[in-house]
Amino acid sequence: RTVATRGRRGMMKYLRAERGVAVGGRAAFPSPAPTAAARARARPSLAPAAAASSSFSSPSSSSASEVEARKGELISALVGVGRGADAGLGKRAAIEEAQANLESVSGSAIDIKGALEGKWKLLYTTSLDLLPIFWFGMTNLTSVGDIYQQFDAPDENGKGSVKNIISAGLPPFLEDYSGLTLTVSASYEVVSPRQITLRFQEAEVGELALSDLGKTLLAPAILPRGFPNFRLMQLIQDFRASAPLATPFDSVTRNAVGNPTLLLTYLDDTLLIGRALPGGGIYMLEKEAEEEAKSESS
């Protein structure tokens, strides 16, 4: 019996060894090394991760069509807000979201020297310097027309000039929305790829345009219109008054708090978005076509 038992045990060891079964916790024969194909199959694929990361493209890799789509969404959000005066909290939130979406795909580069020059028409603002003007215009005591910023190209030192132009009316004696023009002149300096500092210099009121009622009061149709009447109308229409905005305390103020700054968050050949510092008011402006700008300035 002992001999038979030992024979059966020896046969079982032999069969296990032939099948590569572990004996005493160790493999009877070492497993063959995995082939290159097996290693490739076992290696985790990075393709899905790469595909997932590519779906979140960086601003610099965003396509021009994506930027234009986001810009179109922002322009659509500005419809019916009265340049910001009629925008409630919900509408402001929608505009701010559309602005953030555009800025997130626009990239980091802004060409101030190449794109800033021109006449820009105000589309929307949150500035408390301008909104009260619009609100006052709703009282029928005055009317506020178009508002522009007209930039000259910066020179080799990054310095240039800018005019803030506001058209308004004083019914019933002056033309509605264009009865007079307020122009605030300033100089600017490019201090970084996205920042320009402003220094206001002079404010001027001019370009008065009499309404039909105003002309009638000055030169009634039932009376002969002689030279004095026309001379008076010409003097009114040619009237200009200006006042300097610089004061002896300007240098002290600039040293204490710095110059007013416009931080450009988006700029291309048709749209400008900037944030005023201090204050934080947002300005969105659309560039006028050259033909329109020339006809309005002439």
C-alpha atoms as a PDB file:
ATOM      1  CA  ARG A   1       0.000   0.000   0.000  1.00  0.00           C
ATOM      2  CA  THR A   2       2.774   2.403   0.826  1.00  0.00           C
ATOM      3  CA  VAL A   3       4.453   1.776  -2.480  1.00  0.00           C
ATOM      4  CA  ALA A   4       1.183   2.295  -4.352  1.00  0.00           C
ATOM      5  CA  THR A   5       0.484   5.520  -2.463  1.00  0.00           C
ATOM      6  CA  ARG A   6       3.930   6.877  -3.247  1.00  0.00           C
ATOM      7  CA  GLY A   7       3.432   5.939  -6.888  1.00  0.00           C
ATOM      8  CA  ARG A   8       0.144   7.783  -7.106  1.00  0.00           C
ATOM      9  CA  ARG A   9       1.656  10.886  -5.442  1.00  0.00           C
ATOM     10  CA  GLY A  10       4.575  10.893  -7.833  1.00  0.00           C
ATOM     11  CA  MET A  11       2.243  10.615 -10.799  1.00  0.00           C
ATOM     12  CA  MET A  12       0.118  13.569  -9.544  1.00  0.00           C
ATOM     13  CA  LYS A  13       3.227  15.748  -9.104  1.00  0.00           C
ATOM     14  CA  TYR A  14       4.293  14.857 -12.595  1.00  0.00           C
ATOM     15  CA  LEU A  15       0.915  15.794 -14.074  1.00  0.00           C
ATOM     16  CA  ARG A  16       0.784  19.071 -12.105  1.00  0.00           C
ATOM     17  CA  ALA A  17       4.244  19.972 -13.278  1.00  0.00           C
ATOM     18  CA  GLU A  18       3.229  19.268 -16.875  1.00  0.00           C
ATOM     19  CA  ARG A  19       0.224  21.623 -16.503  1.00  0.00           C
ATOM     20  CA  GLY A  20       2.277  24.369 -14.798  1.00  0.00           C
ATOM     21  CA  VAL A  21       0.296  24.138 -11.556  1.00  0.00           C
ATOM     22  CA  ALA A  22       2.014  25.626  -8.511  1.00  0.00           C
ATOM     23  CA  VAL A  23       3.627  23.158  -6.221  1.00  0.00           C
ATOM     24  CA  GLY A  24       4.183  24.358  -2.649  1.00  0.00           C
ATOM     25  CA  GLY A  25       3.078  27.895  -3.582  1.00  0.00           C
ATOM     26  CA  ARG A  26       5.556  28.236  -6.526  1.00  0.00           C
ATOM     27  CA  ALA A  27       5.061  27.676 -10.219  1.00  0.00           C
ATOM     28  CA  ALA A  28       6.598  24.442 -11.354  1.00  0.00           C
ATOM     29  CA  PHE A  29       7.744  26.134 -14.563  1.00  0.00           C
ATOM     30  CA  PRO A  30       8.200  29.903 -15.029  1.00  0.00           C
ATOM     31  CA  SER A  31       5.443  31.532 -17.073  1.00  0.00           C
ATOM     32  CA  PRO A  32       6.545  32.693 -20.492  1.00  0.00           C
ATOM     33  CA  ALA A  33       7.280  36.433 -20.868  1.00  0.00           C
ATOM     34  CA  PRO A  34       4.335  38.379 -22.322  1.00  0.00           C
ATOM     35  CA  THR A  35       4.636  39.245 -25.965  1.00  0.00           C
ATOM     36  CA  ALA A  36       4.669  42.853 -27.280  1.00  0.00           C
ATOM     37  CA  ALA A  37       1.105  42.444 -28.512  1.00  0.00           C
ATOM     38  CA  ALA A  38      -0.018  41.302 -25.084  1.00  0.00           C
ATOM     39  CA  ARG A  39       1.697  44.227 -23.422  1.00  0.00           C
ATOM     40  CA  ALA A  40      -0.020  46.619 -25.852  1.00  0.00           C
ATOM     41  CA  ARG A  41      -3.407  45.063 -25.050  1.00  0.00           C
ATOM     42  CA  ALA A  42      -2.788  45.339 -21.322  1.00  0.00           C
ATOM     43  CA  ARG A  43      -1.640  48.975 -21.507  1.00  0.00           C
ATOM     44  CA  PRO A  44      -4.519  51.465 -20.763  1.00  0.00           C
ATOM     45  CA  SER A  45      -5.454  53.607 -23.756  1.00  0.00           C
ATOM     46  CA  LEU A  46      -4.976  57.386 -23.502  1.00  0.00           C
ATOM     47  CA  ALA A  47      -7.104  58.180 -26.529  1.00  0.00           C
ATOM     48  CA  PRO A  48     -10.379  58.752 -24.644  1.00  0.00           C
ATOM     49  CA  ALA A  49      -8.684  61.102 -22.169  1.00  0.00           C
ATOM     50  CA  ALA A  50      -7.084  63.044 -24.993  1.00  0.00           C
ATOM     51  CA  ALA A  51     -10.404  63.294 -26.782  1.00  0.00           C
ATOM     52  CA  ALA A  52     -12.092  64.512 -23.616  1.00  0.00           C
ATOM     53  CA  SER A  53      -9.465  67.162 -22.999  1.00  0.00           C
ATOM     54  CA  SER A  54      -9.659  68.390 -26.584  1.00  0.00           C
ATOM     55  CA  SER A  55     -13.364  69.138 -26.143  1.00  0.00           C
ATOM     56  CA  PHE A  56     -12.402  71.848 -23.640  1.00  0.00           C
ATOM     57  CA  SER A  57     -10.277  73.869 -26.017  1.00  0.00           C
ATOM     58  CA  SER A  58      -8.156  76.674 -24.680  1.00  0.00           C
ATOM     59  CA  PRO A  59      -8.969  80.268 -25.666  1.00  0.00           C
ATOM     60  CA  SER A  60      -5.958  80.430 -27.964  1.00  0.00           C
ATOM     61  CA  SER A  61      -7.163  77.401 -29.912  1.00  0.00           C
ATOM     62  CA  SER A  62     -10.770  78.584 -30.259  1.00  0.00           C
ATOM     63  CA  SER A  63     -11.898  78.933 -33.840  1.00  0.00           C
ATOM     64  CA  ALA A  64     -12.888  82.238 -35.396  1.00  0.00           C
ATOM     65  CA  SER A  65     -16.400  80.886 -35.955  1.00  0.00           C
ATOM     66  CA  GLU A  66     -16.758  80.156 -32.239  1.00  0.00           C
ATOM     67  CA  VAL A  67     -15.667  83.691 -31.348  1.00  0.00           C
ATOM     68  CA  GLU A  68     -18.128  85.158 -33.855  1.00  0.00           C
ATOM     69  CA  ALA A  69     -20.918  82.977 -32.462  1.00  0.00           C
ATOM     70  CA  ARG A  70     -20.251  84.151 -28.917  1.00  0.00           C
ATOM     71  CA  LYS A  71     -20.068  87.753 -30.100  1.00  0.00           C
ATOM     72  CA  GLY A  72     -23.405  87.368 -31.864  1.00  0.00           C
ATOM     73  CA  GLU A  73     -24.957  86.042 -28.668  1.00  0.00           C
ATOM     74  CA  LEU A  74     -23.703  89.083 -26.768  1.00  0.00           C
ATOM     75  CA  ILE A  75     -25.000  91.550 -29.372  1.00  0.00           C
ATOM     76  CA  SER A  76     -28.390  89.819 -29.301  1.00  0.00           C
ATOM     77  CA  ALA A  77     -28.483  90.123 -25.503  1.00  0.00           C
ATOM     78  CA  LEU A  78     -28.050  93.903 -25.808  1.00  0.00           C
ATOM     79  CA  VAL A  79     -31.266  94.388 -27.787  1.00  0.00           C
ATOM     80  CA  GLY A  80     -33.895  96.435 -25.960  1.00  0.00           C
ATOM     81  CA  VAL A  81     -31.821  97.479 -22.942  1.00  0.00           C
ATOM     82  CA  GLY A  82     -31.583 101.185 -23.761  1.00  0.00           C
ATOM     83  CA  ARG A  83     -27.785 101.148 -23.539  1.00  0.00           C
ATOM     84  CA  GLY A  84     -28.164  99.797 -19.999  1.00  0.00           C
ATOM     85  CA  ALA A  85     -30.769 102.218 -18.663  1.00  0.00           C
ATOM     86  CA  ASP A  86     -33.624  99.732 -19.201  1.00  0.00           C
ATOM     87  CA  ALA A  87     -31.740  96.603 -18.115  1.00  0.00           C
ATOM     88  CA  GLY A  88     -33.072  94.892 -14.986  1.00  0.00           C
ATOM     89  CA  LEU A  89     -31.088  92.494 -12.839  1.00  0.00           C
ATOM     90  CA  GLY A  90     -32.049  89.454 -14.908  1.00  0.00           C
ATOM     91  CA  LYS A  91     -31.081  91.113 -18.174  1.00  0.00           C
ATOM     92  CA  ARG A  92     -27.807  92.347 -16.716  1.00  0.00           C
ATOM     93  CA  ALA A  93     -26.982  88.832 -15.566  1.00  0.00           C
ATOM     94  CA  ALA A  94     -27.658  87.473 -19.062  1.00  0.00           C
ATOM     95  CA  ILE A  95     -25.448  90.152 -20.619  1.00  0.00           C
ATOM     96  CA  GLU A  96     -22.653  89.481 -18.135  1.00  0.00           C
ATOM     97  CA  GLU A  97     -22.836  85.756 -18.886  1.00  0.00           C
ATOM     98  CA  ALA A  98     -22.674  86.388 -22.641  1.00  0.00           C
ATOM     99  CA  GLN A  99     -19.722  88.713 -22.074  1.00  0.00           C
ATOM    100  CA  ALA A 100     -17.881  86.085 -20.028  1.00  0.00           C
ATOM    101  CA  ASN A 101     -18.542  83.458 -22.716  1.00  0.00           C
ATOM    102  CA  LEU A 102     -17.048  85.701 -25.390  1.00  0.00           C
ATOM    103  CA  GLU A 103     -14.000  86.626 -23.334  1.00  0.00           C
ATOM    104  CA  SER A 104     -13.345  82.960 -22.477  1.00  0.00           C
ATOM    105  CA  VAL A 105     -12.839  82.039 -26.147  1.00  0.00           C
ATOM    106  CA  SER A 106     -11.231  85.249 -27.387  1.00  0.00           C
ATOM    107  CA  GLY A 107      -7.671  84.479 -26.302  1.00  0.00           C
ATOM    108  CA  SER A 108      -5.296  86.623 -24.318  1.00  0.00           C
ATOM    109  CA  ALA A 109      -3.823  88.863 -27.038  1.00  0.00           C
ATOM    110  CA  ILE A 110      -5.282  92.341 -27.670  1.00  0.00           C
ATOM    111  CA  ASP A 111      -3.919  94.549 -30.442  1.00  0.00           C
ATOM    112  CA  ILE A 112      -4.362  98.015 -28.950  1.00  0.00           C
ATOM    113  CA  LYS A 113      -2.102  99.760 -31.448  1.00  0.00           C
ATOM    114  CA  GLY A 114      -3.760  98.153 -34.442  1.00  0.00           C
ATOM    115  CA  ALA A 115      -7.441  98.021 -33.447  1.00  0.00           C
ATOM    116  CA  LEU A 116      -8.136 100.895 -31.026  1.00  0.00           C
ATOM    117  CA  GLU A 117      -8.111 103.740 -33.553  1.00  0.00           C
ATOM    118  CA  GLY A 118     -11.537 104.814 -34.793  1.00  0.00           C
ATOM    119  CA  LYS A 119     -14.952 106.063 -33.719  1.00  0.00           C
ATOM    120  CA  TRP A 120     -16.792 103.744 -31.325  1.00  0.00           C
ATOM    121  CA  LYS A 121     -20.518 103.976 -30.575  1.00  0.00           C
ATOM    122  CA  LEU A 122     -21.763 103.087 -27.092  1.00  0.00           C
ATOM    123  CA  LEU A 123     -24.048 100.037 -27.020  1.00  0.00           C
ATOM    124  CA  TYR A 124     -24.217  99.266 -23.296  1.00  0.00           C
ATOM    125  CA  THR A 125     -22.834 100.444 -19.983  1.00  0.00           C
ATOM    126  CA  THR A 126     -23.187  99.866 -16.259  1.00  0.00           C
ATOM    127  CA  SER A 127     -21.288 103.051 -15.408  1.00  0.00           C
ATOM    128  CA  LEU A 128     -22.937 105.288 -12.839  1.00  0.00           C
ATOM    129  CA  ASP A 129     -21.341 108.238 -14.650  1.00  0.00           C
ATOM    130  CA  LEU A 130     -23.580 107.694 -17.699  1.00  0.00           C
ATOM    131  CA  LEU A 131     -26.722 105.895 -16.529  1.00  0.00           C
ATOM    132  CA  PRO A 132     -28.109 108.987 -14.701  1.00  0.00           C
ATOM    133  CA  ILE A 133     -27.863 110.894 -17.997  1.00  0.00           C
ATOM    134  CA  PHE A 134     -30.071 108.293 -19.686  1.00  0.00           C
ATOM    135  CA  TRP A 135     -32.504 108.280 -16.778  1.00  0.00           C
ATOM    136  CA  PHE A 136     -32.738 112.088 -16.895  1.00  0.00           C
ATOM    137  CA  GLY A 137     -33.478 111.826 -20.607  1.00  0.00           C
ATOM    138  CA  MET A 138     -36.624 109.842 -19.765  1.00  0.00           C
ATOM    139  CA  THR A 139     -38.148 112.924 -18.098  1.00  0.00           C
ATOM    140  CA  ASN A 140     -38.800 114.689 -21.457  1.00  0.00           C
ATOM    141  CA  LEU A 141     -36.742 117.644 -20.239  1.00  0.00           C
ATOM    142  CA  THR A 142     -33.935 116.532 -22.489  1.00  0.00           C
ATOM    143  CA  SER A 143     -33.093 113.700 -24.870  1.00  0.00           C
ATOM    144  CA  VAL A 144     -29.827 111.816 -25.137  1.00  0.00           C
ATOM    145  CA  GLY A 145     -28.642 110.840 -28.586  1.00  0.00           C
ATOM    146  CA  ASP A 146     -25.651 108.792 -29.659  1.00  0.00           C
ATOM    147  CA  ILE A 147     -22.542 108.582 -27.491  1.00  0.00           C
ATOM    148  CA  TYR A 148     -19.125 107.961 -29.012  1.00  0.00           C
ATOM    149  CA  GLN A 149     -15.503 107.521 -28.071  1.00  0.00           C
ATOM    150  CA  GLN A 150     -13.144 108.567 -30.829  1.00  0.00           C
ATOM    151  CA  PHE A 151      -9.574 107.295 -30.434  1.00  0.00           C
ATOM    152  CA  ASP A 152      -6.525 108.418 -32.350  1.00  0.00           C
ATOM    153  CA  ALA A 153      -3.866 105.797 -32.969  1.00  0.00           C
ATOM    154  CA  PRO A 154      -1.190 105.687 -30.254  1.00  0.00           C
ATOM    155  CA  ASP A 155       2.266 106.920 -31.218  1.00  0.00           C
ATOM    156  CA  GLU A 156       5.518 105.005 -30.800  1.00  0.00           C
ATOM    157  CA  ASN A 157       5.465 105.885 -27.088  1.00  0.00           C
ATOM    158  CA  GLY A 158       1.954 104.501 -26.643  1.00  0.00           C
ATOM    159  CA  LYS A 159       0.338 107.930 -26.230  1.00  0.00           C
ATOM    160  CA  GLY A 160      -2.693 109.303 -28.032  1.00  0.00           C
ATOM    161  CA  SER A 161      -5.869 111.338 -27.679  1.00  0.00           C
ATOM    162  CA  VAL A 162      -9.525 110.436 -27.257  1.00  0.00           C
ATOM    163  CA  LYS A 163     -12.776 112.376 -27.438  1.00  0.00           C
ATOM    164  CA  ASN A 164     -15.958 111.453 -25.592  1.00  0.00           C
ATOM    165  CA  ILE A 165     -18.848 112.808 -27.683  1.00  0.00           C
ATOM    166  CA  ILE A 166     -22.436 113.049 -26.414  1.00  0.00           C
ATOM    167  CA  SER A 167     -25.306 114.309 -28.566  1.00  0.00           C
ATOM    168  CA  ALA A 168     -28.383 115.613 -26.771  1.00  0.00           C
ATOM    169  CA  GLY A 169     -31.512 117.646 -27.324  1.00  0.00           C
ATOM    170  CA  LEU A 170     -33.373 120.320 -25.398  1.00  0.00           C
ATOM    171  CA  PRO A 171     -36.911 120.287 -26.715  1.00  0.00           C
ATOM    172  CA  PRO A 172     -38.779 122.262 -27.765  1.00  0.00           C
ATOM    173  CA  PHE A 173     -36.162 124.869 -28.684  1.00  0.00           C
ATOM    174  CA  LEU A 174     -33.304 122.628 -29.846  1.00  0.00           C
ATOM    175  CA  GLU A 175     -33.485 119.591 -32.102  1.00  0.00           C
ATOM    176  CA  ASP A 176     -34.423 116.376 -30.350  1.00  0.00           C
ATOM    177  CA  TYR A 177     -31.418 114.055 -29.688  1.00  0.00           C
ATOM    178  CA  SER A 178     -29.029 116.241 -31.735  1.00  0.00           C
ATOM    179  CA  GLY A 179     -29.661 119.785 -30.554  1.00  0.00           C
ATOM    180  CA  LEU A 180     -26.217 120.142 -28.982  1.00  0.00           C
ATOM    181  CA  THR A 181     -22.974 118.225 -28.608  1.00  0.00           C
ATOM    182  CA  LEU A 182     -20.868 117.822 -25.488  1.00  0.00           C
ATOM    183  CA  THR A 183     -17.273 116.838 -26.203  1.00  0.00           C
ATOM    184  CA  VAL A 184     -14.839 115.841 -23.463  1.00  0.00           C
ATOM    185  CA  SER A 185     -11.236 115.677 -24.668  1.00  0.00           C
ATOM    186  CA  ALA A 186      -8.614 113.540 -22.988  1.00  0.00           C
ATOM    187  CA  SER A 187      -5.188 112.077 -23.574  1.00  0.00           C
ATOM    188  CA  TYR A 188      -4.374 108.437 -23.002  1.00  0.00           C
ATOM    189  CA  GLU A 189      -1.321 106.260 -22.553  1.00  0.00           C
ATOM    190  CA  VAL A 190      -0.956 102.534 -23.142  1.00  0.00           C
ATOM    191  CA  VAL A 191       0.559 101.119 -19.953  1.00  0.00           C
ATOM    192  CA  SER A 192       0.086  97.392 -20.643  1.00  0.00           C
ATOM    193  CA  PRO A 193      -1.281  95.172 -23.413  1.00  0.00           C
ATOM    194  CA  ARG A 194      -4.761  95.613 -21.904  1.00  0.00           C
ATOM    195  CA  GLN A 195      -4.696  98.913 -19.995  1.00  0.00           C
ATOM    196  CA  ILE A 196      -4.785 102.558 -20.969  1.00  0.00           C
ATOM    197  CA  THR A 197      -4.754 105.456 -18.528  1.00  0.00           C
ATOM    198  CA  LEU A 198      -6.782 108.606 -19.209  1.00  0.00           C
ATOM    199  CA  ARG A 199      -6.194 112.241 -18.418  1.00  0.00           C
ATOM    200  CA  PHE A 200      -9.189 114.495 -19.050  1.00  0.00           C
ATOM    201  CA  GLN A 201      -8.338 117.922 -20.396  1.00  0.00           C
ATOM    202  CA  GLU A 202     -11.322 119.953 -21.611  1.00  0.00           C
ATOM    203  CA  ALA A 203     -15.111 119.918 -21.966  1.00  0.00           C
ATOM    204  CA  GLU A 204     -16.843 121.784 -24.766  1.00  0.00           C
ATOM    205  CA  VAL A 205     -20.491 122.446 -25.636  1.00  0.00           C
ATOM    206  CA  GLY A 206     -21.306 123.373 -29.215  1.00  0.00           C
ATOM    207  CA  GLU A 207     -22.997 122.461 -32.478  1.00  0.00           C
ATOM    208  CA  LEU A 208     -26.347 123.850 -31.400  1.00  0.00           C
ATOM    209  CA  ALA A 209     -29.196 123.012 -33.770  1.00  0.00           C
ATOM    210  CA  LEU A 210     -32.404 125.020 -33.408  1.00  0.00           C
ATOM    211  CA  SER A 211     -35.726 123.238 -33.763  1.00  0.00           C
ATOM    212  CA  ASP A 212     -38.430 124.612 -36.007  1.00  0.00           C
ATOM    213  CA  LEU A 213     -40.064 126.187 -32.969  1.00  0.00           C
ATOM    214  CA  GLY A 214     -36.796 127.771 -31.924  1.00  0.00           C
ATOM    215  CA  LYS A 215     -36.261 129.257 -35.384  1.00  0.00           C
ATOM    216  CA  THR A 216     -39.813 130.529 -35.440  1.00  0.00           C
ATOM    217  CA  LEU A 217     -39.387 132.261 -32.088  1.00  0.00           C
ATOM    218  CA  LEU A 218     -36.194 133.958 -33.242  1.00  0.00           C
ATOM    219  CA  ALA A 219     -37.497 134.904 -36.670  1.00  0.00           C
ATOM    220  CA  PRO A 220     -41.311 134.843 -36.766  1.00  0.00           C
ATOM    221  CA  ALA A 221     -42.759 134.198 -40.187  1.00  0.00           C
ATOM    222  CA  ILE A 222     -45.199 137.107 -39.841  1.00  0.00           C
ATOM    223  CA  LEU A 223     -42.330 139.593 -39.449  1.00  0.00           C
ATOM    224  CA  PRO A 224     -39.710 140.452 -42.044  1.00  0.00           C
ATOM    225  CA  ARG A 225     -36.597 138.332 -41.624  1.00  0.00           C
ATOM    226  CA  GLY A 226     -33.797 140.801 -41.790  1.00  0.00           C
ATOM    227  CA  PHE A 227     -30.085 140.545 -41.218  1.00  0.00           C
ATOM    228  CA  PRO A 228     -30.294 140.785 -37.368  1.00  0.00           C
ATOM    229  CA  ASN A 229     -32.578 137.739 -37.180  1.00  0.00           C
ATOM    230  CA  PHE A 230     -30.346 135.548 -39.298  1.00  0.00           C
ATOM    231  CA  ARG A 231     -27.262 136.842 -37.542  1.00  0.00           C
ATOM    232  CA  LEU A 232     -28.738 135.880 -34.177  1.00  0.00           C
ATOM    233  CA  MET A 233     -29.586 132.363 -35.402  1.00  0.00           C
ATOM    234  CA  GLN A 234     -26.094 131.986 -36.813  1.00  0.00           C
ATOM    235  CA  LEU A 235     -24.537 133.089 -33.523  1.00  0.00           C
ATOM    236  CA  ILE A 236     -26.600 130.533 -31.629  1.00  0.00           C
ATOM    237  CA  GLN A 237     -25.755 127.711 -34.029  1.00  0.00           C
ATOM    238  CA  ASP A 238     -22.047 128.620 -33.980  1.00  0.00           C
ATOM    239  CA  PHE A 239     -22.016 128.940 -30.200  1.00  0.00           C
ATOM    240  CA  ARG A 240     -19.257 127.058 -28.406  1.00  0.00           C
ATOM    241  CA  ALA A 241     -18.281 127.118 -24.767  1.00  0.00           C
ATOM    242  CA  SER A 242     -15.397 125.216 -23.270  1.00  0.00           C
ATOM    243  CA  ALA A 243     -13.944 124.741 -19.829  1.00  0.00           C
ATOM    244  CA  PRO A 244     -10.684 123.111 -18.743  1.00  0.00           C
ATOM    245  CA  LEU A 245     -10.997 119.993 -16.630  1.00  0.00           C
ATOM    246  CA  ALA A 246      -7.463 120.109 -15.267  1.00  0.00           C
ATOM    247  CA  THR A 247      -7.055 121.655 -11.816  1.00  0.00           C
ATOM    248  CA  PRO A 248      -4.046 122.513  -9.645  1.00  0.00           C
ATOM    249  CA  PHE A 249      -4.875 119.441  -7.549  1.00  0.00           C
ATOM    250  CA  ASP A 250      -4.634 117.000 -10.466  1.00  0.00           C
ATOM    251  CA  SER A 251      -1.028 116.042  -9.778  1.00  0.00           C
ATOM    252  CA  VAL A 252      -1.793 115.477  -6.094  1.00  0.00           C
ATOM    253  CA  THR A 253      -4.801 113.299  -6.967  1.00  0.00           C
ATOM    254  CA  ARG A 254      -2.852 111.275  -9.531  1.00  0.00           C
ATOM    255  CA  ASN A 255      -0.043 110.660  -7.083  1.00  0.00           C
ATOM    256  CA  ALA A 256      -2.546 109.501  -4.452  1.00  0.00           C
ATOM    257  CA  VAL A 257      -4.946 107.300  -6.477  1.00  0.00           C
ATOM    258  CA  GLY A 258      -3.497 107.218  -9.999  1.00  0.00           C
ATOM    259  CA  ASN A 259      -5.104 108.148 -13.318  1.00  0.00           C
ATOM    260  CA  PRO A 260      -8.494 106.801 -14.395  1.00  0.00           C
ATOM    261  CA  THR A 261      -7.840 103.538 -16.232  1.00  0.00           C
ATOM    262  CA  LEU A 262      -9.703 101.610 -18.904  1.00  0.00           C
ATOM    263  CA  LEU A 263      -9.066  97.854 -18.750  1.00  0.00           C
ATOM    264  CA  LEU A 264      -9.789  96.310 -22.137  1.00  0.00           C
ATOM    265  CA  THR A 265     -11.242  92.825 -21.770  1.00  0.00           C
ATOM    266  CA  TYR A 266     -12.092  92.353 -25.459  1.00  0.00           C
ATOM    267  CA  LEU A 267     -11.095  94.213 -28.635  1.00  0.00           C
ATOM    268  CA  ASP A 268     -11.371  93.372 -32.298  1.00  0.00           C
ATOM    269  CA  ASP A 269     -12.142  95.337 -35.451  1.00  0.00           C
ATOM    270  CA  THR A 270     -15.843  95.832 -34.585  1.00  0.00           C
ATOM    271  CA  LEU A 271     -16.344  95.451 -30.815  1.00  0.00           C
ATOM    272  CA  LEU A 272     -14.664  96.959 -27.750  1.00  0.00           C
ATOM    273  CA  ILE A 273     -15.373  95.925 -24.159  1.00  0.00           C
ATOM    274  CA  GLY A 274     -13.699  97.761 -21.305  1.00  0.00           C
ATOM    275  CA  ARG A 275     -13.965  98.164 -17.552  1.00  0.00           C
ATOM    276  CA  ALA A 276     -13.383 101.538 -15.913  1.00  0.00           C
ATOM    277  CA  LEU A 277     -11.079 101.698 -12.915  1.00  0.00           C
ATOM    278  CA  PRO A 278     -11.939 102.882 -10.335  1.00  0.00           C
ATOM    279  CA  GLY A 279     -15.680 102.289 -10.355  1.00  0.00           C
ATOM    280  CA  GLY A 280     -15.807  99.044 -12.296  1.00  0.00           C
ATOM    281  CA  GLY A 281     -18.368 100.238 -14.859  1.00  0.00           C
ATOM    282  CA  ILE A 282     -18.563  98.175 -18.054  1.00  0.00           C
ATOM    283  CA  TYR A 283     -18.511  99.810 -21.495  1.00  0.00           C
ATOM    284  CA  MET A 284     -19.415  98.000 -24.712  1.00  0.00           C
ATOM    285  CA  LEU A 285     -18.912  99.901 -27.942  1.00  0.00           C
ATOM    286  CA  GLU A 286     -19.329  99.095 -31.620  1.00  0.00           C
ATOM    287  CA  LYS A 287     -16.970 100.538 -34.202  1.00  0.00           C
ATOM    288  CA  GLU A 288     -18.508 102.844 -36.783  1.00  0.00           C
ATOM    289  CA  ALA A 289     -17.813 102.190 -40.434  1.00  0.00           C
ATOM    290  CA  GLU A 290     -15.320 104.663 -41.866  1.00  0.00           C
ATOM    291  CA  GLU A 291     -17.889 106.128 -44.270  1.00  0.00           C
ATOM    292  CA  GLU A 292     -20.393 106.749 -41.450  1.00  0.00           C
ATOM    293  CA  ALA A 293     -17.741 108.261 -39.195  1.00  0.00           C
ATOM    294  CA  LYS A 294     -16.624 110.664 -41.928  1.00  0.00           C
ATOM    295  CA  SER A 295     -20.164 111.745 -42.776  1.00  0.00           C
ATOM    296  CA  GLU A 296     -20.995 112.404 -39.109  1.00  0.00           C
ATOM    297  CA  SER A 297     -17.827 114.377 -38.460  1.00  0.00           C
ATOM    298  CA  SER A 298     -18.272 116.524 -41.589  1.00  0.00           C
END
